Amino acid sequence: MLRNITRGLRSLFRKEQVDKELDEELSAYLELAAKEKMKDGMSRMEALRAVRLERGNLEVSKEIVRSGAWESFVETCWRDLRFAVRLLGKSPGFSAVAVLTLALGIGANTA
């Protein structure tokens, strides 16, 4: 569990490095699958094309890998929070009324 947490934190704070490692890993997998096809008698270009057709787009594979981890949820929440703050900053009058209404509602319910 500790390894999963440290890997997730590394993914959040060193996104470029983790993306580069994922690119390298997927490229190595593509090459390995192409070598298997070349053993069956295909040329290198045909083998690479066949593997790409079978496996699909690499960008889709990357998104599937990224979305499977908890850090994608944290990153999405962080982006949503930043967007909300930007929108509230654009209309301070509405923001003040909304915060005041929430404060009064929460205060009335707890009292």
PDB file of N, CA and C in Angstrom:
ATOM      1  N   MET A   1       0.815  -1.180   0.000  1.00  0.00           N
ATOM      2  CA  MET A   1       0.000   0.000   0.000  1.00  0.00           C
ATOM      3  C   MET A   1       0.866   1.255   0.000  1.00  0.00           C
ATOM      4  N   LEU A   2       1.947   1.231   0.756  1.00  0.00           N
ATOM      5  CA  LEU A   2       2.853   2.375   0.797  1.00  0.00           C
ATOM      6  C   LEU A   2       3.472   2.620  -0.572  1.00  0.00           C
ATOM      7  N   ARG A   3       3.800   1.547  -1.275  1.00  0.00           N
ATOM      8  CA  ARG A   3       4.364   1.674  -2.615  1.00  0.00           C
ATOM      9  C   ARG A   3       3.362   2.324  -3.562  1.00  0.00           C
ATOM     10  N   ASN A   4       2.095   1.957  -3.431  1.00  0.00           N
ATOM     11  CA  ASN A   4       1.037   2.536  -4.268  1.00  0.00           C
ATOM     12  C   ASN A   4       0.881   4.030  -3.994  1.00  0.00           C
ATOM     13  N   ILE A   5       0.963   4.414  -2.731  1.00  0.00           N
ATOM     14  CA  ILE A   5       0.844   5.832  -2.369  1.00  0.00           C
ATOM     15  C   ILE A   5       2.033   6.624  -2.902  1.00  0.00           C
ATOM     16  N   THR A   6       3.250   6.104  -2.718  1.00  0.00           N
ATOM     17  CA  THR A   6       4.424   6.836  -3.204  1.00  0.00           C
ATOM     18  C   THR A   6       4.435   6.919  -4.727  1.00  0.00           C
ATOM     19  N   ARG A   7       3.999   5.856  -5.399  1.00  0.00           N
ATOM     20  CA  ARG A   7       3.937   5.893  -6.857  1.00  0.00           C
ATOM     21  C   ARG A   7       2.902   6.910  -7.326  1.00  0.00           C
ATOM     22  N   GLY A   8       1.776   6.995  -6.619  1.00  0.00           N
ATOM     23  CA  GLY A   8       0.744   7.964  -6.970  1.00  0.00           C
ATOM     24  C   GLY A   8       1.203   9.394  -6.754  1.00  0.00           C
ATOM     25  N   LEU A   9       1.883   9.654  -5.645  1.00  0.00           N
ATOM     26  CA  LEU A   9       2.390  11.000  -5.386  1.00  0.00           C
ATOM     27  C   LEU A   9       3.450  11.386  -6.411  1.00  0.00           C
ATOM     28  N   ARG A  10       4.280  10.438  -6.779  1.00  0.00           N
ATOM     29  CA  ARG A  10       5.279  10.691  -7.815  1.00  0.00           C
ATOM     30  C   ARG A  10       4.591  11.021  -9.134  1.00  0.00           C
ATOM     31  N   SER A  11       3.523  10.324  -9.433  1.00  0.00           N
ATOM     32  CA  SER A  11       2.776  10.576 -10.659  1.00  0.00           C
ATOM     33  C   SER A  11       2.138  11.953 -10.654  1.00  0.00           C
ATOM     34  N   LEU A  12       1.705  12.421  -9.492  1.00  0.00           N
ATOM     35  CA  LEU A  12       1.084  13.738  -9.404  1.00  0.00           C
ATOM     36  C   LEU A  12       2.093  14.867  -9.559  1.00  0.00           C
ATOM     37  N   PHE A  13       3.278  14.712  -8.971  1.00  0.00           N
ATOM     38  CA  PHE A  13       4.234  15.803  -8.931  1.00  0.00           C
ATOM     39  C   PHE A  13       5.296  15.741 -10.025  1.00  0.00           C
ATOM     40  N   ARG A  14       5.466  14.604 -10.661  1.00  0.00           N
ATOM     41  CA  ARG A  14       6.444  14.465 -11.750  1.00  0.00           C
ATOM     42  C   ARG A  14       5.749  13.883 -12.972  1.00  0.00           C
ATOM     43  N   LYS A  15       4.749  14.574 -13.412  1.00  0.00           N
ATOM     44  CA  LYS A  15       3.895  14.094 -14.487  1.00  0.00           C
ATOM     45  C   LYS A  15       4.665  13.872 -15.789  1.00  0.00           C
ATOM     46  N   GLU A  16       5.570  14.784 -16.148  1.00  0.00           N
ATOM     47  CA  GLU A  16       6.308  14.659 -17.397  1.00  0.00           C
ATOM     48  C   GLU A  16       7.182  13.409 -17.401  1.00  0.00           C
ATOM     49  N   GLN A  17       7.839  13.143 -16.282  1.00  0.00           N
ATOM     50  CA  GLN A  17       8.712  11.983 -16.198  1.00  0.00           C
ATOM     51  C   GLN A  17       7.894  10.690 -16.262  1.00  0.00           C
ATOM     52  N   VAL A  18       6.769  10.656 -15.580  1.00  0.00           N
ATOM     53  CA  VAL A  18       5.928   9.465 -15.596  1.00  0.00           C
ATOM     54  C   VAL A  18       5.350   9.237 -16.993  1.00  0.00           C
ATOM     55  N   ASP A  19       4.966  10.315 -17.681  1.00  0.00           N
ATOM     56  CA  ASP A  19       4.463  10.184 -19.050  1.00  0.00           C
ATOM     57  C   ASP A  19       5.549   9.665 -19.991  1.00  0.00           C
ATOM     58  N   LYS A  20       6.773  10.139 -19.793  1.00  0.00           N
ATOM     59  CA  LYS A  20       7.885   9.670 -20.617  1.00  0.00           C
ATOM     60  C   LYS A  20       8.128   8.173 -20.390  1.00  0.00           C
ATOM     61  N   GLU A  21       8.087   7.741 -19.128  1.00  0.00           N
ATOM     62  CA  GLU A  21       8.282   6.320 -18.826  1.00  0.00           C
ATOM     63  C   GLU A  21       7.165   5.470 -19.415  1.00  0.00           C
ATOM     64  N   LEU A  22       5.931   5.980 -19.380  1.00  0.00           N
ATOM     65  CA  LEU A  22       4.810   5.250 -19.963  1.00  0.00           C
ATOM     66  C   LEU A  22       4.969   5.147 -21.476  1.00  0.00           C
ATOM     67  N   ASP A  23       5.419   6.223 -22.124  1.00  0.00           N
ATOM     68  CA  ASP A  23       5.686   6.186 -23.568  1.00  0.00           C
ATOM     69  C   ASP A  23       6.732   5.132 -23.904  1.00  0.00           C
ATOM     70  N   GLU A  24       7.802   5.110 -23.117  1.00  0.00           N
ATOM     71  CA  GLU A  24       8.868   4.131 -23.352  1.00  0.00           C
ATOM     72  C   GLU A  24       8.366   2.706 -23.169  1.00  0.00           C
ATOM     73  N   GLU A  25       7.562   2.482 -22.144  1.00  0.00           N
ATOM     74  CA  GLU A  25       7.044   1.148 -21.877  1.00  0.00           C
ATOM     75  C   GLU A  25       6.111   0.680 -22.992  1.00  0.00           C
ATOM     76  N   LEU A  26       5.231   1.561 -23.436  1.00  0.00           N
ATOM     77  CA  LEU A  26       4.318   1.180 -24.518  1.00  0.00           C
ATOM     78  C   LEU A  26       5.062   0.975 -25.834  1.00  0.00           C
ATOM     79  N   SER A  27       6.093   1.782 -26.085  1.00  0.00           N
ATOM     80  CA  SER A  27       6.896   1.597 -27.298  1.00  0.00           C
ATOM     81  C   SER A  27       7.648   0.269 -27.264  1.00  0.00           C
ATOM     82  N   ALA A  28       8.183  -0.072 -26.093  1.00  0.00           N
ATOM     83  CA  ALA A  28       8.879  -1.352 -25.960  1.00  0.00           C
ATOM     84  C   ALA A  28       7.912  -2.510 -26.169  1.00  0.00           C
ATOM     85  N   TYR A  29       6.699  -2.371 -25.657  1.00  0.00           N
ATOM     86  CA  TYR A  29       5.694  -3.420 -25.859  1.00  0.00           C
ATOM     87  C   TYR A  29       5.337  -3.541 -27.336  1.00  0.00           C
ATOM     88  N   LEU A  30       5.212  -2.419 -28.025  1.00  0.00           N
ATOM     89  CA  LEU A  30       4.912  -2.418 -29.452  1.00  0.00           C
ATOM     90  C   LEU A  30       6.013  -3.125 -30.227  1.00  0.00           C
ATOM     91  N   GLU A  31       7.260  -2.825 -29.882  1.00  0.00           N
ATOM     92  CA  GLU A  31       8.396  -3.462 -30.546  1.00  0.00           C
ATOM     93  C   GLU A  31       8.418  -4.967 -30.290  1.00  0.00           C
ATOM     94  N   LEU A  32       8.129  -5.372 -29.072  1.00  0.00           N
ATOM     95  CA  LEU A  32       8.117  -6.788 -28.733  1.00  0.00           C
ATOM     96  C   LEU A  32       7.036  -7.531 -29.508  1.00  0.00           C
ATOM     97  N   ALA A  33       5.860  -6.936 -29.585  1.00  0.00           N
ATOM     98  CA  ALA A  33       4.772  -7.553 -30.333  1.00  0.00           C
ATOM     99  C   ALA A  33       5.103  -7.603 -31.824  1.00  0.00           C
ATOM    100  N   ALA A  34       5.786  -6.574 -32.324  1.00  0.00           N
ATOM    101  CA  ALA A  34       6.179  -6.557 -33.734  1.00  0.00           C
ATOM    102  C   ALA A  34       7.214  -7.644 -34.016  1.00  0.00           C
ATOM    103  N   LYS A  35       8.134  -7.875 -33.088  1.00  0.00           N
ATOM    104  CA  LYS A  35       9.124  -8.943 -33.270  1.00  0.00           C
ATOM    105  C   LYS A  35       8.449 -10.307 -33.348  1.00  0.00           C
ATOM    106  N   GLU A  36       7.403 -10.482 -32.546  1.00  0.00           N
ATOM    107  CA  GLU A  36       6.655 -11.744 -32.610  1.00  0.00           C
ATOM    108  C   GLU A  36       6.013 -11.918 -33.984  1.00  0.00           C
ATOM    109  N   LYS A  37       5.491 -10.834 -34.546  1.00  0.00           N
ATOM    110  CA  LYS A  37       4.884 -10.888 -35.879  1.00  0.00           C
ATOM    111  C   LYS A  37       5.947 -11.130 -36.949  1.00  0.00           C
ATOM    112  N   MET A  38       7.141 -10.551 -36.759  1.00  0.00           N
ATOM    113  CA  MET A  38       8.206 -10.726 -37.731  1.00  0.00           C
ATOM    114  C   MET A  38       8.714 -12.156 -37.745  1.00  0.00           C
ATOM    115  N   LYS A  39       8.582 -12.870 -36.631  1.00  0.00           N
ATOM    116  CA  LYS A  39       8.959 -14.285 -36.598  1.00  0.00           C
ATOM    117  C   LYS A  39       8.044 -15.115 -37.489  1.00  0.00           C
ATOM    118  N   ASP A  40       6.819 -14.621 -37.680  1.00  0.00           N
ATOM    119  CA  ASP A  40       5.868 -15.320 -38.540  1.00  0.00           C
ATOM    120  C   ASP A  40       6.076 -15.006 -40.013  1.00  0.00           C
ATOM    121  N   GLY A  41       7.047 -14.157 -40.347  1.00  0.00           N
ATOM    122  CA  GLY A  41       7.374 -13.893 -41.738  1.00  0.00           C
ATOM    123  C   GLY A  41       6.968 -12.525 -42.252  1.00  0.00           C
ATOM    124  N   MET A  42       6.429 -11.675 -41.420  1.00  0.00           N
ATOM    125  CA  MET A  42       6.052 -10.329 -41.865  1.00  0.00           C
ATOM    126  C   MET A  42       7.275  -9.432 -41.899  1.00  0.00           C
ATOM    127  N   SER A  43       7.202  -8.392 -42.740  1.00  0.00           N
ATOM    128  CA  SER A  43       8.264  -7.390 -42.717  1.00  0.00           C
ATOM    129  C   SER A  43       8.061  -6.495 -41.492  1.00  0.00           C
ATOM    130  N   ARG A  44       9.074  -5.675 -41.191  1.00  0.00           N
ATOM    131  CA  ARG A  44       8.990  -4.829 -40.000  1.00  0.00           C
ATOM    132  C   ARG A  44       7.820  -3.852 -40.085  1.00  0.00           C
ATOM    133  N   MET A  45       7.657  -3.206 -41.237  1.00  0.00           N
ATOM    134  CA  MET A  45       6.578  -2.232 -41.393  1.00  0.00           C
ATOM    135  C   MET A  45       5.207  -2.901 -41.306  1.00  0.00           C
ATOM    136  N   GLU A  46       5.070  -4.069 -41.925  1.00  0.00           N
ATOM    137  CA  GLU A  46       3.801  -4.799 -41.847  1.00  0.00           C
ATOM    138  C   GLU A  46       3.500  -5.235 -40.424  1.00  0.00           C
ATOM    139  N   ALA A  47       4.534  -5.674 -39.713  1.00  0.00           N
ATOM    140  CA  ALA A  47       4.351  -6.125 -38.342  1.00  0.00           C
ATOM    141  C   ALA A  47       3.926  -4.974 -37.436  1.00  0.00           C
ATOM    142  N   LEU A  48       4.587  -3.818 -37.582  1.00  0.00           N
ATOM    143  CA  LEU A  48       4.210  -2.660 -36.774  1.00  0.00           C
ATOM    144  C   LEU A  48       2.785  -2.215 -37.075  1.00  0.00           C
ATOM    145  N   ARG A  49       2.421  -2.224 -38.350  1.00  0.00           N
ATOM    146  CA  ARG A  49       1.062  -1.829 -38.728  1.00  0.00           C
ATOM    147  C   ARG A  49       0.033  -2.808 -38.159  1.00  0.00           C
ATOM    148  N   ALA A  50       0.343  -4.105 -38.236  1.00  0.00           N
ATOM    149  CA  ALA A  50      -0.585  -5.110 -37.720  1.00  0.00           C
ATOM    150  C   ALA A  50      -0.770  -4.975 -36.211  1.00  0.00           C
ATOM    151  N   VAL A  51       0.316  -4.707 -35.502  1.00  0.00           N
ATOM    152  CA  VAL A  51       0.229  -4.543 -34.047  1.00  0.00           C
ATOM    153  C   VAL A  51      -0.587  -3.306 -33.706  1.00  0.00           C
ATOM    154  N   ARG A  52      -0.357  -2.212 -34.434  1.00  0.00           N
ATOM    155  CA  ARG A  52      -1.127  -0.992 -34.172  1.00  0.00           C
ATOM    156  C   ARG A  52      -2.607  -1.195 -34.455  1.00  0.00           C
ATOM    157  N   LEU A  53      -2.920  -1.954 -35.490  1.00  0.00           N
ATOM    158  CA  LEU A  53      -4.327  -2.235 -35.791  1.00  0.00           C
ATOM    159  C   LEU A  53      -4.963  -3.110 -34.714  1.00  0.00           C
ATOM    160  N   GLU A  54      -4.216  -4.074 -34.214  1.00  0.00           N
ATOM    161  CA  GLU A  54      -4.742  -4.967 -33.176  1.00  0.00           C
ATOM    162  C   GLU A  54      -4.904  -4.253 -31.841  1.00  0.00           C
ATOM    163  N   ARG A  55      -3.909  -3.494 -31.462  1.00  0.00           N
ATOM    164  CA  ARG A  55      -3.883  -2.883 -30.128  1.00  0.00           C
ATOM    165  C   ARG A  55      -4.627  -1.555 -30.060  1.00  0.00           C
ATOM    166  N   GLY A  56      -4.815  -0.901 -31.185  1.00  0.00           N
ATOM    167  CA  GLY A  56      -5.500   0.381 -31.174  1.00  0.00           C
ATOM    168  C   GLY A  56      -4.530   1.528 -31.009  1.00  0.00           C
ATOM    169  N   ASN A  57      -5.081   2.685 -30.809  1.00  0.00           N
ATOM    170  CA  ASN A  57      -4.306   3.910 -30.687  1.00  0.00           C
ATOM    171  C   ASN A  57      -3.520   3.929 -29.376  1.00  0.00           C
ATOM    172  N   LEU A  58      -2.270   4.366 -29.431  1.00  0.00           N
ATOM    173  CA  LEU A  58      -1.437   4.423 -28.217  1.00  0.00           C
ATOM    174  C   LEU A  58      -1.955   5.456 -27.232  1.00  0.00           C
ATOM    175  N   GLU A  59      -2.487   6.560 -27.732  1.00  0.00           N
ATOM    176  CA  GLU A  59      -3.000   7.595 -26.829  1.00  0.00           C
ATOM    177  C   GLU A  59      -4.189   7.084 -26.019  1.00  0.00           C
ATOM    178  N   VAL A  60      -5.019   6.264 -26.639  1.00  0.00           N
ATOM    179  CA  VAL A  60      -6.149   5.679 -25.913  1.00  0.00           C
ATOM    180  C   VAL A  60      -5.634   4.728 -24.836  1.00  0.00           C
ATOM    181  N   SER A  61      -4.615   3.965 -25.164  1.00  0.00           N
ATOM    182  CA  SER A  61      -4.018   3.061 -24.169  1.00  0.00           C
ATOM    183  C   SER A  61      -3.439   3.837 -22.998  1.00  0.00           C
ATOM    184  N   LYS A  62      -2.797   4.959 -23.293  1.00  0.00           N
ATOM    185  CA  LYS A  62      -2.236   5.790 -22.224  1.00  0.00           C
ATOM    186  C   LYS A  62      -3.334   6.323 -21.310  1.00  0.00           C
ATOM    187  N   GLU A  63      -4.424   6.779 -21.890  1.00  0.00           N
ATOM    188  CA  GLU A  63      -5.527   7.295 -21.082  1.00  0.00           C
ATOM    189  C   GLU A  63      -6.149   6.201 -20.221  1.00  0.00           C
ATOM    190  N   ILE A  64      -6.234   4.996 -20.740  1.00  0.00           N
ATOM    191  CA  ILE A  64      -6.778   3.888 -19.956  1.00  0.00           C
ATOM    192  C   ILE A  64      -5.874   3.586 -18.766  1.00  0.00           C
ATOM    193  N   VAL A  65      -4.569   3.591 -19.003  1.00  0.00           N
ATOM    194  CA  VAL A  65      -3.615   3.335 -17.916  1.00  0.00           C
ATOM    195  C   VAL A  65      -3.701   4.439 -16.873  1.00  0.00           C
ATOM    196  N   ARG A  66      -3.762   5.696 -17.326  1.00  0.00           N
ATOM    197  CA  ARG A  66      -3.814   6.824 -16.392  1.00  0.00           C
ATOM    198  C   ARG A  66      -5.101   6.836 -15.579  1.00  0.00           C
ATOM    199  N   SER A  67      -6.207   6.481 -16.200  1.00  0.00           N
ATOM    200  CA  SER A  67      -7.491   6.575 -15.502  1.00  0.00           C
ATOM    201  C   SER A  67      -7.695   5.464 -14.486  1.00  0.00           C
ATOM    202  N   GLY A  68      -6.873   4.443 -14.516  1.00  0.00           N
ATOM    203  CA  GLY A  68      -7.037   3.332 -13.592  1.00  0.00           C
ATOM    204  C   GLY A  68      -6.494   3.578 -12.200  1.00  0.00           C
ATOM    205  N   ALA A  69      -5.820   4.675 -11.985  1.00  0.00           N
ATOM    206  CA  ALA A  69      -5.172   4.932 -10.708  1.00  0.00           C
ATOM    207  C   ALA A  69      -5.904   6.031  -9.939  1.00  0.00           C
ATOM    208  N   TRP A  70      -5.667   6.083  -8.637  1.00  0.00           N
ATOM    209  CA  TRP A  70      -6.349   7.055  -7.778  1.00  0.00           C
ATOM    210  C   TRP A  70      -5.872   8.471  -8.022  1.00  0.00           C
ATOM    211  N   GLU A  71      -4.664   8.632  -8.511  1.00  0.00           N
ATOM    212  CA  GLU A  71      -4.155   9.985  -8.711  1.00  0.00           C
ATOM    213  C   GLU A  71      -4.888  10.726  -9.825  1.00  0.00           C
ATOM    214  N   SER A  72      -5.502  10.001 -10.755  1.00  0.00           N
ATOM    215  CA  SER A  72      -6.296  10.685 -11.779  1.00  0.00           C
ATOM    216  C   SER A  72      -7.526  11.341 -11.155  1.00  0.00           C
ATOM    217  N   PHE A  73      -8.092  10.698 -10.136  1.00  0.00           N
ATOM    218  CA  PHE A  73      -9.222  11.294  -9.418  1.00  0.00           C
ATOM    219  C   PHE A  73      -8.795  12.568  -8.694  1.00  0.00           C
ATOM    220  N   VAL A  74      -7.643  12.534  -8.046  1.00  0.00           N
ATOM    221  CA  VAL A  74      -7.133  13.703  -7.322  1.00  0.00           C
ATOM    222  C   VAL A  74      -6.845  14.836  -8.303  1.00  0.00           C
ATOM    223  N   GLU A  75      -6.242  14.503  -9.433  1.00  0.00           N
ATOM    224  CA  GLU A  75      -5.927  15.522 -10.432  1.00  0.00           C
ATOM    225  C   GLU A  75      -7.202  16.145 -11.002  1.00  0.00           C
ATOM    226  N   THR A  76      -8.223  15.341 -11.242  1.00  0.00           N
ATOM    227  CA  THR A  76      -9.496  15.861 -11.749  1.00  0.00           C
ATOM    228  C   THR A  76     -10.155  16.776 -10.730  1.00  0.00           C
ATOM    229  N   CYS A  77     -10.143  16.378  -9.472  1.00  0.00           N
ATOM    230  CA  CYS A  77     -10.711  17.233  -8.421  1.00  0.00           C
ATOM    231  C   CYS A  77      -9.955  18.551  -8.321  1.00  0.00           C
ATOM    232  N   TRP A  78      -8.639  18.505  -8.437  1.00  0.00           N
ATOM    233  CA  TRP A  78      -7.832  19.719  -8.368  1.00  0.00           C
ATOM    234  C   TRP A  78      -8.165  20.662  -9.530  1.00  0.00           C
ATOM    235  N   ARG A  79      -8.297  20.100 -10.742  1.00  0.00           N
ATOM    236  CA  ARG A  79      -8.667  20.934 -11.887  1.00  0.00           C
ATOM    237  C   ARG A  79     -10.050  21.544 -11.714  1.00  0.00           C
ATOM    238  N   ASP A  80     -11.006  20.765 -11.201  1.00  0.00           N
ATOM    239  CA  ASP A  80     -12.354  21.280 -10.964  1.00  0.00           C
ATOM    240  C   ASP A  80     -12.356  22.389  -9.923  1.00  0.00           C
ATOM    241  N   LEU A  81     -11.573  22.226  -8.878  1.00  0.00           N
ATOM    242  CA  LEU A  81     -11.487  23.245  -7.834  1.00  0.00           C
ATOM    243  C   LEU A  81     -10.894  24.550  -8.376  1.00  0.00           C
ATOM    244  N   ARG A  82      -9.838  24.437  -9.178  1.00  0.00           N
ATOM    245  CA  ARG A  82      -9.251  25.636  -9.778  1.00  0.00           C
ATOM    246  C   ARG A  82     -10.239  26.332 -10.702  1.00  0.00           C
ATOM    247  N   PHE A  83     -10.995  25.558 -11.471  1.00  0.00           N
ATOM    248  CA  PHE A  83     -11.997  26.128 -12.361  1.00  0.00           C
ATOM    249  C   PHE A  83     -13.084  26.844 -11.563  1.00  0.00           C
ATOM    250  N   ALA A  84     -13.536  26.228 -10.470  1.00  0.00           N
ATOM    251  CA  ALA A  84     -14.575  26.842  -9.630  1.00  0.00           C
ATOM    252  C   ALA A  84     -14.086  28.152  -9.034  1.00  0.00           C
ATOM    253  N   VAL A  85     -12.854  28.179  -8.571  1.00  0.00           N
ATOM    254  CA  VAL A  85     -12.306  29.408  -7.987  1.00  0.00           C
ATOM    255  C   VAL A  85     -12.201  30.501  -9.040  1.00  0.00           C
ATOM    256  N   ARG A  86     -11.793  30.144 -10.251  1.00  0.00           N
ATOM    257  CA  ARG A  86     -11.729  31.142 -11.330  1.00  0.00           C
ATOM    258  C   ARG A  86     -13.108  31.704 -11.641  1.00  0.00           C
ATOM    259  N   LEU A  87     -14.117  30.834 -11.705  1.00  0.00           N
ATOM    260  CA  LEU A  87     -15.466  31.309 -11.991  1.00  0.00           C
ATOM    261  C   LEU A  87     -16.009  32.184 -10.869  1.00  0.00           C
ATOM    262  N   LEU A  88     -15.754  31.800  -9.633  1.00  0.00           N
ATOM    263  CA  LEU A  88     -16.222  32.617  -8.513  1.00  0.00           C
ATOM    264  C   LEU A  88     -15.496  33.962  -8.465  1.00  0.00           C
ATOM    265  N   GLY A  89     -14.258  33.981  -8.909  1.00  0.00           N
ATOM    266  CA  GLY A  89     -13.512  35.238  -8.950  1.00  0.00           C
ATOM    267  C   GLY A  89     -14.017  36.193 -10.020  1.00  0.00           C
ATOM    268  N   LYS A  90     -14.640  35.652 -11.057  1.00  0.00           N
ATOM    269  CA  LYS A  90     -15.158  36.501 -12.133  1.00  0.00           C
ATOM    270  C   LYS A  90     -16.426  37.242 -11.732  1.00  0.00           C
ATOM    271  N   SER A  91     -17.183  36.672 -10.794  1.00  0.00           N
ATOM    272  CA  SER A  91     -18.413  37.336 -10.340  1.00  0.00           C
ATOM    273  C   SER A  91     -18.423  37.380  -8.815  1.00  0.00           C
ATOM    274  N   PRO A  92     -17.754  38.352  -8.233  1.00  0.00           N
ATOM    275  CA  PRO A  92     -17.635  38.410  -6.774  1.00  0.00           C
ATOM    276  C   PRO A  92     -18.963  38.684  -6.067  1.00  0.00           C
ATOM    277  N   GLY A  93     -19.876  39.379  -6.704  1.00  0.00           N
ATOM    278  CA  GLY A  93     -21.183  39.635  -6.077  1.00  0.00           C
ATOM    279  C   GLY A  93     -21.961  38.343  -5.882  1.00  0.00           C
ATOM    280  N   PHE A  94     -22.017  37.543  -6.923  1.00  0.00           N
ATOM    281  CA  PHE A  94     -22.693  36.255  -6.824  1.00  0.00           C
ATOM    282  C   PHE A  94     -22.000  35.366  -5.799  1.00  0.00           C
ATOM    283  N   SER A  95     -20.671  35.384  -5.789  1.00  0.00           N
ATOM    284  CA  SER A  95     -19.914  34.570  -4.839  1.00  0.00           C
ATOM    285  C   SER A  95     -20.239  34.955  -3.401  1.00  0.00           C
ATOM    286  N   ALA A  96     -20.304  36.256  -3.133  1.00  0.00           N
ATOM    287  CA  ALA A  96     -20.604  36.718  -1.774  1.00  0.00           C
ATOM    288  C   ALA A  96     -22.006  36.293  -1.355  1.00  0.00           C
ATOM    289  N   VAL A  97     -22.978  36.417  -2.246  1.00  0.00           N
ATOM    290  CA  VAL A  97     -24.350  36.013  -1.931  1.00  0.00           C
ATOM    291  C   VAL A  97     -24.420  34.505  -1.704  1.00  0.00           C
ATOM    292  N   ALA A  98     -23.728  33.728  -2.531  1.00  0.00           N
ATOM    293  CA  ALA A  98     -23.747  32.277  -2.384  1.00  0.00           C
ATOM    294  C   ALA A  98     -23.111  31.843  -1.063  1.00  0.00           C
ATOM    295  N   VAL A  99     -21.979  32.433  -0.709  1.00  0.00           N
ATOM    296  CA  VAL A  99     -21.302  32.077   0.546  1.00  0.00           C
ATOM    297  C   VAL A  99     -22.151  32.494   1.741  1.00  0.00           C
ATOM    298  N   LEU A 100     -22.743  33.670   1.673  1.00  0.00           N
ATOM    299  CA  LEU A 100     -23.602  34.139   2.761  1.00  0.00           C
ATOM    300  C   LEU A 100     -24.820  33.241   2.928  1.00  0.00           C
ATOM    301  N   THR A 101     -25.440  32.840   1.830  1.00  0.00           N
ATOM    302  CA  THR A 101     -26.596  31.945   1.896  1.00  0.00           C
ATOM    303  C   THR A 101     -26.218  30.597   2.485  1.00  0.00           C
ATOM    304  N   LEU A 102     -25.099  30.051   2.056  1.00  0.00           N
ATOM    305  CA  LEU A 102     -24.637  28.777   2.616  1.00  0.00           C
ATOM    306  C   LEU A 102     -24.338  28.902   4.104  1.00  0.00           C
ATOM    307  N   ALA A 103     -23.693  29.993   4.501  1.00  0.00           N
ATOM    308  CA  ALA A 103     -23.359  30.196   5.912  1.00  0.00           C
ATOM    309  C   ALA A 103     -24.621  30.293   6.765  1.00  0.00           C
ATOM    310  N   LEU A 104     -25.594  31.038   6.282  1.00  0.00           N
ATOM    311  CA  LEU A 104     -26.852  31.147   7.037  1.00  0.00           C
ATOM    312  C   LEU A 104     -27.590  29.817   7.102  1.00  0.00           C
ATOM    313  N   GLY A 105     -27.610  29.094   6.003  1.00  0.00           N
ATOM    314  CA  GLY A 105     -28.278  27.778   5.984  1.00  0.00           C
ATOM    315  C   GLY A 105     -27.623  26.788   6.907  1.00  0.00           C
ATOM    316  N   ILE A 106     -26.311  26.733   6.884  1.00  0.00           N
ATOM    317  CA  ILE A 106     -25.574  25.792   7.764  1.00  0.00           C
ATOM    318  C   ILE A 106     -25.726  26.213   9.209  1.00  0.00           C
ATOM    319  N   GLY A 107     -25.642  27.520   9.462  1.00  0.00           N
ATOM    320  CA  GLY A 107     -25.808  28.020  10.834  1.00  0.00           C
ATOM    321  C   GLY A 107     -27.197  27.754  11.375  1.00  0.00           C
ATOM    322  N   ALA A 108     -28.217  27.919  10.565  1.00  0.00           N
ATOM    323  CA  ALA A 108     -29.588  27.675  11.019  1.00  0.00           C
ATOM    324  C   ALA A 108     -29.826  26.203  11.301  1.00  0.00           C
ATOM    325  N   ASN A 109     -29.246  25.343  10.508  1.00  0.00           N
ATOM    326  CA  ASN A 109     -29.447  23.906  10.726  1.00  0.00           C
ATOM    327  C   ASN A 109     -28.686  23.389  11.937  1.00  0.00           C
ATOM    328  N   THR A 110     -27.546  23.950  12.244  1.00  0.00           N
ATOM    329  CA  THR A 110     -26.799  23.488  13.415  1.00  0.00           C
ATOM    330  C   THR A 110     -27.351  24.079  14.709  1.00  0.00           C
ATOM    331  N   ALA A 111     -28.035  25.195  14.604  1.00  0.00           N
ATOM    332  CA  ALA A 111     -28.576  25.824  15.817  1.00  0.00           C
ATOM    333  C   ALA A 111     -29.877  25.209  16.182  1.00  0.00           C
TER     334      ALA A 111
END
